[in-house]
């Protein structure tokens, strides 16, 4: 992923340490960032959350198969009947929605499990 995004953007990533969330000042991950994209690599894990923050990266459009991209309206997303993933601020409107999910045998899906809400132990 690093080599791909570096080649696509023609830029080296900015690399930042990510410290634990409990104030222990222990580095638990590293964030690799380019204009329009980033991912976090956790120590001793294969989990690497990825964020796309622009409608294109290195001049290449980035969207779902249904055409949803950064800048699409909530109405456009809701028209596709998304999964309600997480209500981060507890206001009753889900802040994270899932699109184009697929079942993969013998795996546990974070997006296909029941929705997470504030105070849910899985959301921390």
C-alpha atoms as a PDB file:
ATOM      1  CA  UNK A   1       0.000   0.000   0.000  1.00  0.00           C
ATOM      2  CA  UNK A   2       2.824   2.399   0.857  1.00  0.00           C
ATOM      3  CA  UNK A   3       4.600   1.854  -2.464  1.00  0.00           C
ATOM      4  CA  UNK A   4       1.314   2.155  -4.387  1.00  0.00           C
ATOM      5  CA  UNK A   5       0.278   5.455  -2.781  1.00  0.00           C
ATOM      6  CA  UNK A   6       3.811   6.842  -3.014  1.00  0.00           C
ATOM      7  CA  UNK A   7       3.910   6.102  -6.738  1.00  0.00           C
ATOM      8  CA  UNK A   8       0.365   7.335  -7.325  1.00  0.00           C
ATOM      9  CA  UNK A   9       0.910  10.655  -5.540  1.00  0.00           C
ATOM     10  CA  UNK A  10       4.567  11.035  -6.527  1.00  0.00           C
ATOM     11  CA  UNK A  11       5.283  11.891  -2.878  1.00  0.00           C
ATOM     12  CA  UNK A  12       6.720  10.155   0.155  1.00  0.00           C
ATOM     13  CA  UNK A  13       4.302   9.719   3.049  1.00  0.00           C
ATOM     14  CA  UNK A  14       4.326  11.819   6.170  1.00  0.00           C
ATOM     15  CA  UNK A  15       4.826   9.337   9.009  1.00  0.00           C
ATOM     16  CA  UNK A  16       3.548  10.089  12.507  1.00  0.00           C
ATOM     17  CA  UNK A  17       3.604   8.057  15.689  1.00  0.00           C
ATOM     18  CA  UNK A  18       0.176   7.272  17.144  1.00  0.00           C
ATOM     19  CA  UNK A  19       0.181   7.108  20.925  1.00  0.00           C
ATOM     20  CA  UNK A  20      -2.237   5.102  23.030  1.00  0.00           C
ATOM     21  CA  UNK A  21      -5.561   6.763  23.801  1.00  0.00           C
ATOM     22  CA  UNK A  22      -5.159   6.474  27.563  1.00  0.00           C
ATOM     23  CA  UNK A  23      -2.338   8.988  28.003  1.00  0.00           C
ATOM     24  CA  UNK A  24       0.401   6.443  28.562  1.00  0.00           C
ATOM     25  CA  UNK A  25       2.497   8.003  25.800  1.00  0.00           C
ATOM     26  CA  UNK A  26       3.186   4.551  24.381  1.00  0.00           C
ATOM     27  CA  UNK A  27       3.437   4.420  20.592  1.00  0.00           C
ATOM     28  CA  UNK A  28       0.880   1.848  19.422  1.00  0.00           C
ATOM     29  CA  UNK A  29       0.826   2.590  15.701  1.00  0.00           C
ATOM     30  CA  UNK A  30       2.184   4.699  12.854  1.00  0.00           C
ATOM     31  CA  UNK A  31       0.067   6.879  10.531  1.00  0.00           C
ATOM     32  CA  UNK A  32       1.192   7.143   6.903  1.00  0.00           C
ATOM     33  CA  UNK A  33      -0.357  10.146   5.140  1.00  0.00           C
ATOM     34  CA  UNK A  34      -0.438  11.483   1.607  1.00  0.00           C
ATOM     35  CA  UNK A  35      -2.622  14.190   0.124  1.00  0.00           C
ATOM     36  CA  UNK A  36      -6.051  12.530  -0.037  1.00  0.00           C
ATOM     37  CA  UNK A  37      -5.288   9.278   1.776  1.00  0.00           C
ATOM     38  CA  UNK A  38      -3.851   7.816   4.952  1.00  0.00           C
ATOM     39  CA  UNK A  39      -3.669   4.570   6.834  1.00  0.00           C
ATOM     40  CA  UNK A  40      -2.612   3.510  10.314  1.00  0.00           C
ATOM     41  CA  UNK A  41      -0.469   0.455  10.975  1.00  0.00           C
ATOM     42  CA  UNK A  42      -0.796  -0.912  14.503  1.00  0.00           C
ATOM     43  CA  UNK A  43       2.081  -2.634  16.271  1.00  0.00           C
ATOM     44  CA  UNK A  44       1.763  -6.446  16.195  1.00  0.00           C
ATOM     45  CA  UNK A  45      -1.408  -6.367  14.105  1.00  0.00           C
ATOM     46  CA  UNK A  46      -2.555  -6.816  10.532  1.00  0.00           C
ATOM     47  CA  UNK A  47      -5.291  -4.190  11.053  1.00  0.00           C
ATOM     48  CA  UNK A  48      -4.663  -0.988   9.026  1.00  0.00           C
ATOM     49  CA  UNK A  49      -7.618   1.424   9.017  1.00  0.00           C
ATOM     50  CA  UNK A  50      -7.568   3.497   5.844  1.00  0.00           C
ATOM     51  CA  UNK A  51      -9.052   6.931   5.166  1.00  0.00           C
ATOM     52  CA  UNK A  52      -9.755   8.483   1.791  1.00  0.00           C
ATOM     53  CA  UNK A  53     -10.168  12.235   2.247  1.00  0.00           C
ATOM     54  CA  UNK A  54     -10.371  13.489  -1.345  1.00  0.00           C
ATOM     55  CA  UNK A  55     -12.453  12.539  -4.388  1.00  0.00           C
ATOM     56  CA  UNK A  56      -9.242  11.682  -6.255  1.00  0.00           C
ATOM     57  CA  UNK A  57      -5.705  10.673  -5.365  1.00  0.00           C
ATOM     58  CA  UNK A  58      -2.867  11.564  -7.693  1.00  0.00           C
ATOM     59  CA  UNK A  59      -5.440  12.561 -10.308  1.00  0.00           C
ATOM     60  CA  UNK A  60      -7.205   9.173 -10.168  1.00  0.00           C
ATOM     61  CA  UNK A  61     -10.894   9.321  -9.113  1.00  0.00           C
ATOM     62  CA  UNK A  62     -11.743   7.242  -6.031  1.00  0.00           C
ATOM     63  CA  UNK A  63     -15.325   6.085  -5.460  1.00  0.00           C
ATOM     64  CA  UNK A  64     -17.446   3.078  -4.601  1.00  0.00           C
ATOM     65  CA  UNK A  65     -18.945   1.023  -7.416  1.00  0.00           C
ATOM     66  CA  UNK A  66     -22.149   3.006  -6.847  1.00  0.00           C
ATOM     67  CA  UNK A  67     -20.306   6.292  -7.423  1.00  0.00           C
ATOM     68  CA  UNK A  68     -20.081   7.507  -3.818  1.00  0.00           C
ATOM     69  CA  UNK A  69     -16.954   9.605  -3.226  1.00  0.00           C
ATOM     70  CA  UNK A  70     -15.674  12.233  -0.839  1.00  0.00           C
ATOM     71  CA  UNK A  71     -18.082  15.127  -1.305  1.00  0.00           C
ATOM     72  CA  UNK A  72     -21.151  12.991  -2.035  1.00  0.00           C
ATOM     73  CA  UNK A  73     -24.184  14.086  -0.046  1.00  0.00           C
ATOM     74  CA  UNK A  74     -25.678  12.144   2.814  1.00  0.00           C
ATOM     75  CA  UNK A  75     -28.869  11.913   0.747  1.00  0.00           C
ATOM     76  CA  UNK A  76     -26.944  10.162  -2.044  1.00  0.00           C
ATOM     77  CA  UNK A  77     -25.576   7.651   0.453  1.00  0.00           C
ATOM     78  CA  UNK A  78     -28.926   7.092   2.198  1.00  0.00           C
ATOM     79  CA  UNK A  79     -30.581   6.421  -1.185  1.00  0.00           C
ATOM     80  CA  UNK A  80     -28.424   3.268  -1.347  1.00  0.00           C
ATOM     81  CA  UNK A  81     -29.876   1.881   1.936  1.00  0.00           C
ATOM     82  CA  UNK A  82     -26.576   1.809   3.862  1.00  0.00           C
ATOM     83  CA  UNK A  83     -25.860  -0.181   6.995  1.00  0.00           C
ATOM     84  CA  UNK A  84     -25.973   1.963  10.124  1.00  0.00           C
ATOM     85  CA  UNK A  85     -22.535   1.275  11.614  1.00  0.00           C
ATOM     86  CA  UNK A  86     -21.931   3.743  14.466  1.00  0.00           C
ATOM     87  CA  UNK A  87     -23.577   6.757  16.069  1.00  0.00           C
ATOM     88  CA  UNK A  88     -20.366   8.342  17.355  1.00  0.00           C
ATOM     89  CA  UNK A  89     -21.874  11.353  19.137  1.00  0.00           C
ATOM     90  CA  UNK A  90     -25.082   9.710  20.407  1.00  0.00           C
ATOM     91  CA  UNK A  91     -27.440  12.131  18.638  1.00  0.00           C
ATOM     92  CA  UNK A  92     -29.487   9.362  16.997  1.00  0.00           C
ATOM     93  CA  UNK A  93     -28.070   9.949  13.493  1.00  0.00           C
ATOM     94  CA  UNK A  94     -25.441   7.414  12.495  1.00  0.00           C
ATOM     95  CA  UNK A  95     -22.092   9.057  11.707  1.00  0.00           C
ATOM     96  CA  UNK A  96     -20.616   5.970  10.068  1.00  0.00           C
ATOM     97  CA  UNK A  97     -22.540   4.195   7.348  1.00  0.00           C
ATOM     98  CA  UNK A  98     -21.562   1.047   5.448  1.00  0.00           C
ATOM     99  CA  UNK A  99     -21.946   0.533   1.708  1.00  0.00           C
ATOM    100  CA  UNK A 100     -21.343  -2.402  -0.629  1.00  0.00           C
ATOM    101  CA  UNK A 101     -20.741  -4.910   2.135  1.00  0.00           C
ATOM    102  CA  UNK A 102     -20.077  -8.513   1.271  1.00  0.00           C
ATOM    103  CA  UNK A 103     -19.985 -11.689   3.288  1.00  0.00           C
ATOM    104  CA  UNK A 104     -16.674 -13.546   3.374  1.00  0.00           C
ATOM    105  CA  UNK A 105     -16.930 -17.103   4.759  1.00  0.00           C
ATOM    106  CA  UNK A 106     -15.165 -17.819   8.057  1.00  0.00           C
ATOM    107  CA  UNK A 107     -14.640 -14.144   8.929  1.00  0.00           C
ATOM    108  CA  UNK A 108     -16.258 -11.704  11.338  1.00  0.00           C
ATOM    109  CA  UNK A 109     -17.259  -8.449   9.703  1.00  0.00           C
ATOM    110  CA  UNK A 110     -17.060  -5.178  11.604  1.00  0.00           C
ATOM    111  CA  UNK A 111     -19.599  -3.614   9.253  1.00  0.00           C
ATOM    112  CA  UNK A 112     -22.116  -6.470   9.223  1.00  0.00           C
ATOM    113  CA  UNK A 113     -22.315  -6.904  13.015  1.00  0.00           C
ATOM    114  CA  UNK A 114     -25.070  -5.028  14.889  1.00  0.00           C
ATOM    115  CA  UNK A 115     -24.610  -1.234  14.982  1.00  0.00           C
ATOM    116  CA  UNK A 116     -22.310   0.295  17.582  1.00  0.00           C
ATOM    117  CA  UNK A 117     -23.513   3.134  19.787  1.00  0.00           C
ATOM    118  CA  UNK A 118     -21.813   5.460  22.252  1.00  0.00           C
ATOM    119  CA  UNK A 119     -21.114   3.523  25.429  1.00  0.00           C
ATOM    120  CA  UNK A 120     -20.963   0.215  23.559  1.00  0.00           C
ATOM    121  CA  UNK A 121     -17.771  -1.551  24.652  1.00  0.00           C
ATOM    122  CA  UNK A 122     -17.039  -2.478  21.043  1.00  0.00           C
ATOM    123  CA  UNK A 123     -16.952   1.188  20.060  1.00  0.00           C
ATOM    124  CA  UNK A 124     -14.064   2.118  22.330  1.00  0.00           C
END
